[in-house]
Structures are given as structure tokens and as C-alpha cells.
Amino acid sequence: MRTKVKKMWTQHQAKAWVFGDQGLVSGINFSIGILLARLLGIETFGLFSLAWMVLFFVSSIQQAFLTAPLFALTPKQESPSQWISKLYFIQLIFSVLSFFVVITIVEATLYFNPEWKFDGISSILGGLVAVYLFNDFSRRVLFTTHQPKKVFFIDIVGYGLQPLFIIGLFVSNALNLQTALAAILGAQTLSLAYIIIRVRPILDFSNLTPTLSIVWKYSRFLLATALLQWSSANYIILFAASILGPVAIGAIKVAQNLMGVLNVLFQAMENIVPVRSAEAFHKGGISALGDYMQKTTMQFLAPVAFVLLLVGIFHHQMISAIYGEEYLPYSFVLLAFCGIYILVFLGTLLRFIIRTLEYNQIIFWSYLLTTVFSLIAGKVLATDYGLTGVLIGIAGTQIISFISFITFLKIKVKWNFRLFTLS
């Protein structure tokens, strides 16, 4: 028995470390969201969420510009280690530049919105973004070189210490926006120290021009798509912040955090469905792809419907129990996200079909349409209809994506409107 278990562990330990790390990071991020929402209060938590949007904005650029070429092009290199060393140096420069860009963004925000209590966080957030990006790139390098065990221990330090630091600050009556960000920066800095000591990344700055040329050629359209993707999802929220204040963002973010359970499921779909849908398409064509997607839809529909039904029925109780009475007036936001996530679920499956058929340009055009919609309608919806208008705007971006996907598939592959069945 022991030999059998040992053999199974040897065969599957890489997957176990990957899923274990994914569970660790997702679980701690979920816990941090709840902790900070309860301990900071809705307005300060809204400001924290805005600061975090800055981090994710820069991170989305990094993932398109450096992470995507790392994953896609490393196996093709004659000397993968030398290639990675050059990318590491580019990442270092990117992190340093990000530090100054973030400081500029925060200071500009303070200038145009002096009522937002962002004082004293520009250098902290800049440092956090710079360190976080370098750490995240190091994690991706380790995944690329098949060393997931090291990633797990990096994240134990970088993520596992965060709730301990935050609780310590609260107990000592020192928790606020600045110290919360500083606590996360401290944990990430210790993680960086672990990377330097144990991973020992090598930085090669010699003859960078060919490497930069390769990276740019591969990533330039991905960068445009990433910017559109981020803006289509966040412009309306930024309009809400400028018009309704940080409280509105706090309400939206607590709802999104609770819906994070489904994000874990969607990530699992991302790891499974694209590969198997591609296999079905190459073996049996459009018909086989339709059969597989119909089957997959029904398989994942049950857990998605269960979660949404549970949240829909008990949204008052969930908000009150998890976040406290202060957030109860905003429980309708969580209810609204139940409807929005139905569209997110269907849109995710449609993206898998489009990617399998290699019509990725429609995803770009979809993001362009939703960005235009956000720019045109975001301010009006937030001004005239408040938080309800913001939720209508978020739902609108999902509806536009869904309609554009359906229309494209109808034209290109003669979609017959049965549930994920292609003729």
C-alpha cells in the first residue's frame, strides 16, 4: 500500500504542488478581502480596492509583455537559461519603472481627488507593485522550469504571512490603509528575500536588443488586448469611484470577493476545457466540438447554479455574517452579481469555443466594444442611477460580449442556437 501511494505521489506530485499553490493563494486572497473589509470599514476598504486596482493594472501589462512570451517562447530557445536570464533583467527594469509610474498615478489621483484619503501611500504602493511584479515573474519562471514545489514555499511566505501581519496591526490598534498596504509589502519583501536566497535568479543585461525585439513582436497585440480587457472591466468602476466615492467601490469589491468561489471554478475550467475542446475539434470537427461543449456546459452548470442559488437566497445573511452590519444596505449588489455571473459563465465557455476555432480576433473586438460602451455610458449610469447604474453598466459589458460572440459564431460556423451545439 505504501509503495502504491508513493508511486502515485511520484506521478502526480507536480500537479499536487500546482493545485496546492493555487488553493493557498486563492484562499488567502479571499481571507484578506474579508479581513480588510471588516477591520477597515467600507470607505477605507473602498480606497484599498482602488489601490489594488492599480496593482492589477500594472500586473496585466506585465503578464502580456513578459509572462506570455516566457511561457510561449522559452521551449523554443536554444539556450532557455540564457533567455530567462535576459527576461529577468527586463523584469527588473520593468519593476523599477513601475515603482515611479505608480507613485505618479497616486499623486495625480490625490491632486484631482483631494477628498480621497490616499495620503502617504504612494511610495508604499509603488514599492508593493515593484516587489509583487518581480515575485510573480519569479513564480512563473519556476512553473516554466517545472519547479512548482519552490513556488509553493515562496507563496507560503509572500501570502501566508499577510493575514498574520494584518491581525497583528489590528490587535495593536495600528491598522489603517497605509499599514495594511505596508503589511502586504512586508510579506512580499520577505518572499523576495526567499527568492534571492533559494532561487538565486540570474540577470543578464548583455545584448538585450534581440531579446526585446522578440518579446515586443510576440506581445504587442497581447498588450493592446490586455489594456482593453482591463479597461472594459474597470472603467465603469472608476467612474463610480469618481462620482459616488470609495464606499461604492467597497460595496462592489465585497460582492466580487464573495463570488470568488466561482472564480476558482472558472480557473479549473481554464485548466481543463481548452485542451479537451481542442482535442474534440481536431478529432471530430465542429460537430464533436459542439457535443463536447454541450456536455461540458451541463457538467459545470450544476455547481454554478448551486452557488448562485445559494447566494441569491441567503445574500442578506452572507453579507451580515461575513462582513458585518455596516455592509448590509449593499446586499443587493451581491444579488445583482448572481445575474452578472450567469453571463460570465456563458461568456467564458464561448471564449473557449472561439479560441479552439482560432478566431481570437473576435475577443479583441469584443473588448473594444465593451470599452467604448464603458467610456460612453459609465459616467451617465453612475451619475443618474448611482450604484444601481454601475451594476447595470457591468452587466451591459457582459451582454455586449455575449451578443458579439453569438453573432460571430452564427456567421462563421452557422450557430443554430441550441445550447452550445454547433451544426
Protein backbone atom coordinates (compact mmCIF):
# COMPACT_ATOMS: atom_id res chain seq x y z
CA MET A 1 0.00 0.00 0.00
CA ARG A 2 2.77 2.40 0.95
CA THR A 3 4.58 1.61 -2.30
CA LYS A 4 1.42 2.29 -4.30
CA VAL A 5 0.83 5.61 -2.56
CA LYS A 6 4.47 6.58 -3.06
CA LYS A 7 4.22 5.73 -6.75
CA MET A 8 1.05 7.79 -7.16
CA TRP A 9 2.69 10.73 -5.38
CA THR A 10 5.74 10.48 -7.64
CA GLN A 11 3.50 10.53 -10.72
CA HIS A 12 1.24 13.36 -9.63
CA GLN A 13 3.28 15.44 -7.20
CA ALA A 14 3.85 18.25 -9.73
CA LYS A 15 0.08 18.66 -10.21
CA ALA A 16 -0.43 18.45 -6.45
CA TRP A 17 2.02 21.30 -5.83
CA VAL A 18 0.37 23.41 -8.57
CA PHE A 19 -3.17 22.89 -7.24
CA GLY A 20 -1.96 23.27 -3.66
CA ASP A 21 -0.37 26.61 -4.52
CA GLN A 22 -3.49 27.76 -6.37
CA GLY A 23 -5.62 26.85 -3.37
CA LEU A 24 -3.21 28.62 -1.00
CA VAL A 25 -3.12 31.89 -2.96
CA SER A 26 -6.87 31.94 -3.71
CA GLY A 27 -7.79 31.08 -0.13
CA ILE A 28 -5.55 33.73 1.40
CA ASN A 29 -6.66 36.42 -1.05
CA PHE A 30 -10.27 35.58 -0.16
CA SER A 31 -9.46 35.77 3.56
CA ILE A 32 -7.57 39.05 3.19
CA GLY A 33 -10.57 40.57 1.40
CA ILE A 34 -12.87 39.62 4.27
CA LEU A 35 -10.41 40.71 6.98
CA LEU A 36 -9.78 44.12 5.50
CA ALA A 37 -13.44 44.73 4.68
CA ARG A 38 -14.41 44.04 8.30
CA LEU A 39 -11.48 45.74 10.00
CA LEU A 40 -11.06 48.84 7.82
CA GLY A 41 -14.69 49.74 7.24
CA ILE A 42 -16.43 50.18 3.89
CA GLU A 43 -14.92 53.55 2.90
CA THR A 44 -11.30 52.68 3.67
CA PHE A 45 -11.77 49.25 2.14
CA GLY A 46 -13.01 51.01 -0.99
CA LEU A 47 -9.79 53.05 -1.06
CA PHE A 48 -7.77 49.86 -0.57
CA SER A 49 -9.65 48.29 -3.51
CA LEU A 50 -8.80 51.28 -5.70
CA ALA A 51 -5.13 50.95 -4.75
CA TRP A 52 -5.31 47.25 -5.57
CA MET A 53 -6.76 48.07 -9.00
CA VAL A 54 -3.54 49.99 -9.71
CA LEU A 55 -1.53 46.87 -8.90
CA PHE A 56 -3.68 44.70 -11.16
CA PHE A 57 -3.47 47.25 -13.97
CA VAL A 58 0.34 47.12 -13.99
CA SER A 59 0.24 43.35 -13.49
CA SER A 60 -1.96 42.91 -16.57
CA ILE A 61 0.62 44.79 -18.63
CA GLN A 62 3.42 42.63 -17.22
CA GLN A 63 1.57 39.41 -17.97
CA ALA A 64 1.04 40.40 -21.59
CA PHE A 65 4.51 41.85 -22.12
CA LEU A 66 6.72 39.38 -20.22
CA THR A 67 4.79 36.41 -18.79
CA ALA A 68 3.15 35.39 -22.07
CA PRO A 69 6.48 35.34 -24.00
CA LEU A 70 8.07 33.48 -21.07
CA PHE A 71 5.50 30.68 -21.30
CA ALA A 72 5.20 30.51 -25.08
CA LEU A 73 8.76 31.11 -26.29
CA THR A 74 11.03 29.52 -23.65
CA PRO A 75 10.68 25.95 -25.05
CA LYS A 76 11.76 27.25 -28.47
CA GLN A 77 15.04 28.78 -27.29
CA GLU A 78 18.38 27.15 -27.96
CA SER A 79 19.52 28.26 -24.51
CA PRO A 80 16.44 28.57 -22.26
CA SER A 81 18.52 29.55 -19.19
CA GLN A 82 20.17 32.46 -21.03
CA TRP A 83 16.79 33.57 -22.41
CA ILE A 84 15.28 33.53 -18.89
CA SER A 85 18.25 35.49 -17.51
CA LYS A 86 17.67 38.25 -20.07
CA LEU A 87 13.94 38.27 -19.29
CA TYR A 88 14.80 38.56 -15.61
CA PHE A 89 16.80 41.71 -16.27
CA ILE A 90 13.97 43.17 -18.37
CA GLN A 91 11.62 42.34 -15.48
CA LEU A 92 13.87 44.18 -13.04
CA ILE A 93 13.77 47.30 -15.23
CA PHE A 94 10.00 46.92 -15.58
CA SER A 95 9.59 46.70 -11.79
CA VAL A 96 11.72 49.81 -11.21
CA LEU A 97 9.78 51.78 -13.83
CA SER A 98 6.52 50.55 -12.29
CA PHE A 99 7.58 51.99 -8.93
CA PHE A 100 7.80 55.50 -10.39
CA VAL A 101 4.69 55.11 -12.57
CA VAL A 102 2.58 54.06 -9.58
CA ILE A 103 3.83 56.99 -7.49
CA THR A 104 2.85 59.31 -10.35
CA ILE A 105 -0.62 57.74 -10.63
CA VAL A 106 -1.29 58.03 -6.89
CA GLU A 107 -0.07 61.61 -6.65
CA ALA A 108 -2.14 62.58 -9.71
CA THR A 109 -5.18 60.93 -8.14
CA LEU A 110 -4.63 62.93 -4.96
CA TYR A 111 -4.32 66.13 -6.96
CA PHE A 112 -7.62 65.62 -8.81
CA ASN A 113 -9.45 63.96 -5.88
CA PRO A 114 -8.04 65.52 -2.70
CA GLU A 115 -11.01 64.23 -0.71
CA TRP A 116 -9.77 60.67 -1.16
CA LYS A 117 -7.57 59.78 1.79
CA PHE A 118 -4.64 58.43 -0.22
CA ASP A 119 -2.04 60.48 1.67
CA GLY A 120 1.16 58.64 2.47
CA ILE A 121 0.59 55.55 0.33
CA SER A 122 2.30 56.46 -2.95
CA SER A 123 5.75 55.11 -2.08
CA ILE A 124 4.29 52.12 -0.19
CA LEU A 125 2.05 51.14 -3.11
CA GLY A 126 4.86 51.79 -5.59
CA GLY A 127 7.17 49.51 -3.63
CA LEU A 128 4.46 46.86 -3.29
CA VAL A 129 3.80 46.84 -7.04
CA ALA A 130 7.51 46.64 -7.89
CA VAL A 131 8.19 43.75 -5.48
CA TYR A 132 4.95 41.93 -6.32
CA LEU A 133 5.73 42.00 -10.05
CA PHE A 134 9.26 40.65 -9.58
CA ASN A 135 7.99 37.90 -7.27
CA ASP A 136 5.18 36.96 -9.64
CA PHE A 137 7.59 36.74 -12.57
CA SER A 138 9.88 34.51 -10.48
CA ARG A 139 6.91 32.23 -9.74
CA ARG A 140 6.14 31.98 -13.45
CA VAL A 141 9.76 31.14 -14.23
CA LEU A 142 9.62 28.29 -11.72
CA PHE A 143 6.40 26.97 -13.26
CA THR A 144 8.04 27.17 -16.70
CA THR A 145 11.08 25.22 -15.48
CA HIS A 146 8.87 22.64 -13.70
CA GLN A 147 9.69 23.61 -10.12
CA PRO A 148 6.21 24.08 -8.57
CA LYS A 149 7.38 22.99 -5.10
CA LYS A 150 9.54 26.12 -4.81
CA VAL A 151 6.57 28.27 -5.87
CA PHE A 152 4.51 26.82 -3.04
CA PHE A 153 7.10 27.79 -0.43
CA ILE A 154 7.56 31.24 -1.97
CA ASP A 155 3.80 31.78 -1.60
CA ILE A 156 3.70 30.46 1.96
CA VAL A 157 5.97 33.38 2.83
CA GLY A 158 4.55 36.01 0.46
CA TYR A 159 0.88 35.23 1.10
CA GLY A 160 0.77 33.17 4.31
CA LEU A 161 2.24 35.97 6.43
CA GLN A 162 -0.20 38.62 5.19
CA PRO A 163 -3.18 37.76 7.45
CA LEU A 164 -0.85 37.38 10.44
CA PHE A 165 0.62 40.84 9.88
CA ILE A 166 -2.82 42.40 9.39
CA ILE A 167 -4.29 40.80 12.51
CA GLY A 168 -1.22 41.92 14.46
CA LEU A 169 -1.74 45.50 13.30
CA PHE A 170 -5.40 45.38 14.27
CA VAL A 171 -4.68 43.98 17.74
CA SER A 172 -2.12 46.74 18.30
CA ASN A 173 -4.66 49.33 17.09
CA ALA A 174 -2.39 50.36 14.20
CA LEU A 175 -4.38 49.12 11.19
CA ASN A 176 -5.25 51.67 8.51
CA LEU A 177 -4.91 51.96 4.73
CA GLN A 178 -1.19 52.73 4.85
CA THR A 179 -0.26 49.98 7.32
CA ALA A 180 -2.45 47.40 5.55
CA LEU A 181 -0.54 48.00 2.31
CA ALA A 182 2.74 48.05 4.26
CA ALA A 183 1.88 44.66 5.81
CA ILE A 184 1.37 43.10 2.37
CA LEU A 185 4.57 44.78 1.15
CA GLY A 186 6.43 43.33 4.14
CA ALA A 187 5.27 39.79 3.38
CA GLN A 188 6.13 40.17 -0.31
CA THR A 189 9.56 41.58 0.59
CA LEU A 190 10.29 38.53 2.75
CA SER A 191 9.17 36.39 -0.18
CA LEU A 192 11.59 38.31 -2.41
CA ALA A 193 14.38 37.60 0.08
CA TYR A 194 13.49 33.89 -0.09
CA ILE A 195 13.65 34.03 -3.90
CA ILE A 196 17.08 35.71 -3.85
CA ILE A 197 18.48 33.19 -1.34
CA ARG A 198 16.90 29.96 -2.60
CA VAL A 199 16.09 30.52 -6.28
CA ARG A 200 19.07 32.79 -6.99
CA PRO A 201 17.81 34.38 -10.22
CA ILE A 202 20.49 35.31 -12.73
CA LEU A 203 20.20 38.65 -14.52
CA ASP A 204 21.86 39.01 -17.92
CA PHE A 205 21.93 42.55 -19.37
CA SER A 206 24.27 41.82 -22.29
CA ASN A 207 22.97 42.30 -25.84
CA LEU A 208 19.33 42.82 -24.87
CA THR A 209 18.15 44.27 -28.17
CA PRO A 210 17.38 40.92 -29.93
CA THR A 211 15.52 39.68 -26.84
CA LEU A 212 13.48 42.87 -26.58
CA SER A 213 12.68 42.63 -30.28
CA ILE A 214 11.40 39.06 -29.89
CA VAL A 215 9.37 39.95 -26.81
CA TRP A 216 7.82 43.01 -28.44
CA LYS A 217 6.97 41.20 -31.67
CA TYR A 218 5.18 38.47 -29.72
CA SER A 219 3.44 40.62 -27.13
CA ARG A 220 2.44 43.87 -28.84
CA PHE A 221 -1.09 42.73 -29.73
CA LEU A 222 -1.45 40.97 -26.40
CA LEU A 223 -0.63 44.28 -24.72
CA ALA A 224 -3.40 46.04 -26.61
CA THR A 225 -5.85 43.27 -25.72
CA ALA A 226 -4.79 43.33 -22.06
CA LEU A 227 -5.33 47.10 -21.86
CA LEU A 228 -8.76 46.78 -23.45
CA GLN A 229 -9.67 43.85 -21.20
CA TRP A 230 -8.71 45.77 -18.05
CA SER A 231 -10.41 48.97 -19.15
CA SER A 232 -13.63 47.27 -20.27
CA ALA A 233 -13.93 45.68 -16.84
CA ASN A 234 -12.85 48.67 -14.75
CA TYR A 235 -13.76 51.97 -16.42
CA ILE A 236 -17.29 51.84 -15.04
CA ILE A 237 -15.96 51.09 -11.55
CA LEU A 238 -13.54 54.03 -11.83
CA PHE A 239 -16.42 56.31 -12.87
CA ALA A 240 -18.32 55.06 -9.83
CA ALA A 241 -15.37 55.93 -7.60
CA SER A 242 -15.06 59.45 -9.00
CA ILE A 243 -18.79 60.16 -8.72
CA LEU A 244 -20.07 58.04 -5.83
CA GLY A 245 -16.89 57.85 -3.76
CA PRO A 246 -14.90 54.93 -2.28
CA VAL A 247 -17.96 53.49 -0.48
CA ALA A 248 -19.41 52.33 -3.82
CA ILE A 249 -16.17 50.54 -4.67
CA GLY A 250 -16.12 48.89 -1.25
CA ALA A 251 -19.63 47.55 -1.84
CA ILE A 252 -18.74 46.20 -5.29
CA LYS A 253 -15.50 44.60 -4.12
CA VAL A 254 -17.04 42.75 -1.17
CA ALA A 255 -19.58 41.23 -3.59
CA GLN A 256 -16.83 40.28 -6.06
CA ASN A 257 -14.81 38.76 -3.25
CA LEU A 258 -17.71 36.52 -2.20
CA MET A 259 -18.21 35.44 -5.81
CA GLY A 260 -14.55 34.39 -5.79
CA VAL A 261 -15.71 30.83 -5.12
CA LEU A 262 -16.88 30.72 -8.72
CA ASN A 263 -13.62 32.25 -9.93
CA VAL A 264 -11.83 29.16 -8.57
CA LEU A 265 -14.23 27.01 -10.62
CA PHE A 266 -13.63 29.16 -13.71
CA GLN A 267 -9.87 28.73 -13.21
CA ALA A 268 -10.36 24.98 -13.10
CA MET A 269 -12.33 25.25 -16.34
CA GLU A 270 -9.44 27.23 -17.85
CA ASN A 271 -7.07 24.38 -16.97
CA ILE A 272 -9.31 21.64 -18.40
CA VAL A 273 -11.74 22.77 -21.10
CA PRO A 274 -9.45 24.43 -23.72
CA VAL A 275 -7.23 21.37 -24.07
CA ARG A 276 -10.11 18.90 -24.31
CA SER A 277 -12.18 21.10 -26.62
CA ALA A 278 -9.17 21.35 -28.95
CA GLU A 279 -8.82 17.56 -28.89
CA ALA A 280 -12.53 17.12 -29.70
CA PHE A 281 -12.35 19.61 -32.57
CA HIS A 282 -9.27 18.05 -34.15
CA LYS A 283 -10.72 14.55 -33.87
CA GLY A 284 -14.30 15.20 -34.94
CA GLY A 285 -14.57 18.73 -36.26
CA ILE A 286 -17.32 21.23 -35.46
CA SER A 287 -19.86 18.56 -34.56
CA ALA A 288 -17.60 16.92 -31.97
CA LEU A 289 -16.72 20.31 -30.53
CA GLY A 290 -20.43 21.12 -30.18
CA ASP A 291 -21.13 17.82 -28.44
CA TYR A 292 -18.23 18.32 -26.04
CA MET A 293 -19.19 21.89 -25.18
CA GLN A 294 -22.83 20.93 -24.62
CA LYS A 295 -21.73 18.17 -22.26
CA THR A 296 -19.25 20.48 -20.51
CA THR A 297 -21.87 23.19 -20.11
CA MET A 298 -24.23 20.82 -18.34
CA GLN A 299 -21.44 19.45 -16.12
CA PHE A 300 -20.33 22.87 -14.88
CA LEU A 301 -23.83 24.35 -14.85
CA ALA A 302 -24.82 22.35 -11.77
CA PRO A 303 -22.16 23.74 -9.37
CA VAL A 304 -22.50 27.25 -10.81
CA ALA A 305 -26.30 27.18 -10.42
CA PHE A 306 -25.98 25.79 -6.89
CA VAL A 307 -23.63 28.59 -5.78
CA LEU A 308 -25.73 31.30 -7.43
CA LEU A 309 -28.95 29.92 -5.94
CA LEU A 310 -27.37 29.76 -2.50
CA VAL A 311 -26.09 33.33 -2.74
CA GLY A 312 -29.38 34.57 -4.18
CA ILE A 313 -31.42 33.14 -1.32
CA PHE A 314 -29.07 34.00 1.53
CA HIS A 315 -27.36 37.19 0.29
CA HIS A 316 -28.56 39.21 3.30
CA GLN A 317 -27.32 36.63 5.77
CA MET A 318 -23.99 36.16 3.99
CA ILE A 319 -23.18 39.87 3.89
CA SER A 320 -24.14 40.33 7.55
CA ALA A 321 -22.31 37.24 8.84
CA ILE A 322 -19.11 37.64 6.81
CA TYR A 323 -18.67 41.41 6.57
CA GLY A 324 -20.86 42.83 9.33
CA GLU A 325 -23.95 45.03 9.63
CA GLU A 326 -22.19 48.01 8.03
CA TYR A 327 -22.38 46.29 4.63
CA LEU A 328 -26.00 45.07 4.91
CA PRO A 329 -27.52 48.01 2.95
CA TYR A 330 -25.40 46.90 -0.01
CA SER A 331 -26.52 43.25 -0.05
CA PHE A 332 -28.45 43.97 -3.27
CA VAL A 333 -25.05 44.32 -5.00
CA LEU A 334 -24.31 40.67 -4.21
CA LEU A 335 -27.74 39.69 -5.56
CA ALA A 336 -27.04 41.60 -8.78
CA PHE A 337 -23.75 39.76 -9.23
CA CYS A 338 -25.67 36.48 -9.26
CA GLY A 339 -27.23 37.57 -12.54
CA ILE A 340 -23.98 39.00 -13.87
CA TYR A 341 -22.13 35.74 -13.19
CA ILE A 342 -24.59 33.78 -15.33
CA LEU A 343 -23.37 35.89 -18.25
CA VAL A 344 -19.74 35.49 -17.10
CA PHE A 345 -20.16 31.69 -17.07
CA LEU A 346 -21.69 31.53 -20.57
CA GLY A 347 -19.19 34.05 -21.92
CA THR A 348 -16.28 32.00 -20.56
CA LEU A 349 -17.50 28.91 -22.40
CA LEU A 350 -17.99 30.90 -25.61
CA ARG A 351 -14.41 32.17 -25.35
CA PHE A 352 -13.22 28.56 -25.16
CA ILE A 353 -15.05 27.79 -28.43
CA ILE A 354 -13.64 30.87 -30.14
CA ARG A 355 -10.09 30.11 -29.01
CA THR A 356 -10.46 26.48 -30.16
CA LEU A 357 -11.56 27.69 -33.60
CA GLU A 358 -8.60 30.14 -33.57
CA TYR A 359 -10.75 33.23 -34.11
CA ASN A 360 -9.10 35.15 -31.27
CA GLN A 361 -9.61 38.48 -33.02
CA ILE A 362 -13.28 38.46 -32.01
CA ILE A 363 -12.21 38.56 -28.37
CA PHE A 364 -10.17 41.68 -29.12
CA TRP A 365 -13.11 43.34 -30.90
CA SER A 366 -15.40 42.36 -28.05
CA TYR A 367 -13.15 44.13 -25.54
CA LEU A 368 -13.03 47.14 -27.84
CA LEU A 369 -16.83 47.31 -27.94
CA THR A 370 -17.19 46.98 -24.18
CA THR A 371 -14.51 49.63 -23.61
CA VAL A 372 -16.35 52.06 -25.89
CA PHE A 373 -19.59 51.27 -24.04
CA SER A 374 -17.91 51.88 -20.67
CA LEU A 375 -16.50 55.22 -21.81
CA ILE A 376 -19.82 56.40 -23.26
CA ALA A 377 -22.25 55.05 -20.66
CA GLY A 378 -20.19 54.70 -17.47
CA LYS A 379 -20.40 58.30 -16.26
CA VAL A 380 -24.08 58.72 -17.17
CA LEU A 381 -25.10 55.49 -15.44
CA ALA A 382 -23.17 56.33 -12.26
CA THR A 383 -24.40 59.95 -12.17
CA ASP A 384 -28.08 59.33 -12.93
CA TYR A 385 -28.66 55.95 -11.30
CA GLY A 386 -25.95 55.63 -8.65
CA LEU A 387 -24.74 52.19 -7.63
CA THR A 388 -27.64 50.53 -9.48
CA GLY A 389 -26.46 52.22 -12.67
CA VAL A 390 -22.94 50.94 -12.10
CA LEU A 391 -24.27 47.39 -11.80
CA ILE A 392 -26.30 47.88 -15.00
CA GLY A 393 -23.10 49.03 -16.70
CA ILE A 394 -21.13 45.99 -15.54
CA ALA A 395 -23.95 43.72 -16.75
CA GLY A 396 -24.00 45.66 -20.02
CA THR A 397 -20.35 44.86 -20.75
CA GLN A 398 -21.10 41.15 -20.29
CA ILE A 399 -24.21 41.33 -22.50
CA ILE A 400 -22.25 43.08 -25.27
CA SER A 401 -19.54 40.39 -25.13
CA PHE A 402 -22.14 37.62 -25.18
CA ILE A 403 -24.02 39.08 -28.16
CA SER A 404 -20.81 39.71 -30.12
CA PHE A 405 -19.64 36.12 -29.52
CA ILE A 406 -23.01 34.65 -30.51
CA THR A 407 -23.27 36.82 -33.64
CA PHE A 408 -19.74 35.97 -34.75
CA LEU A 409 -20.26 32.23 -34.28
CA LYS A 410 -23.59 32.38 -36.11
CA ILE A 411 -21.89 33.98 -39.12
CA LYS A 412 -18.70 31.93 -39.11
CA VAL A 413 -19.81 28.42 -38.12
CA LYS A 414 -23.59 28.59 -38.59
CA TRP A 415 -24.56 28.59 -34.95
CA ASN A 416 -28.01 27.01 -34.58
CA PHE A 417 -28.84 28.47 -31.13
CA ARG A 418 -29.10 25.18 -29.29
CA LEU A 419 -27.13 25.25 -26.05
CA PHE A 420 -23.50 25.04 -27.14
CA THR A 421 -24.27 22.80 -30.10
CA LEU A 422 -22.72 23.68 -33.45
CA SER A 423 -24.13 22.50 -36.77
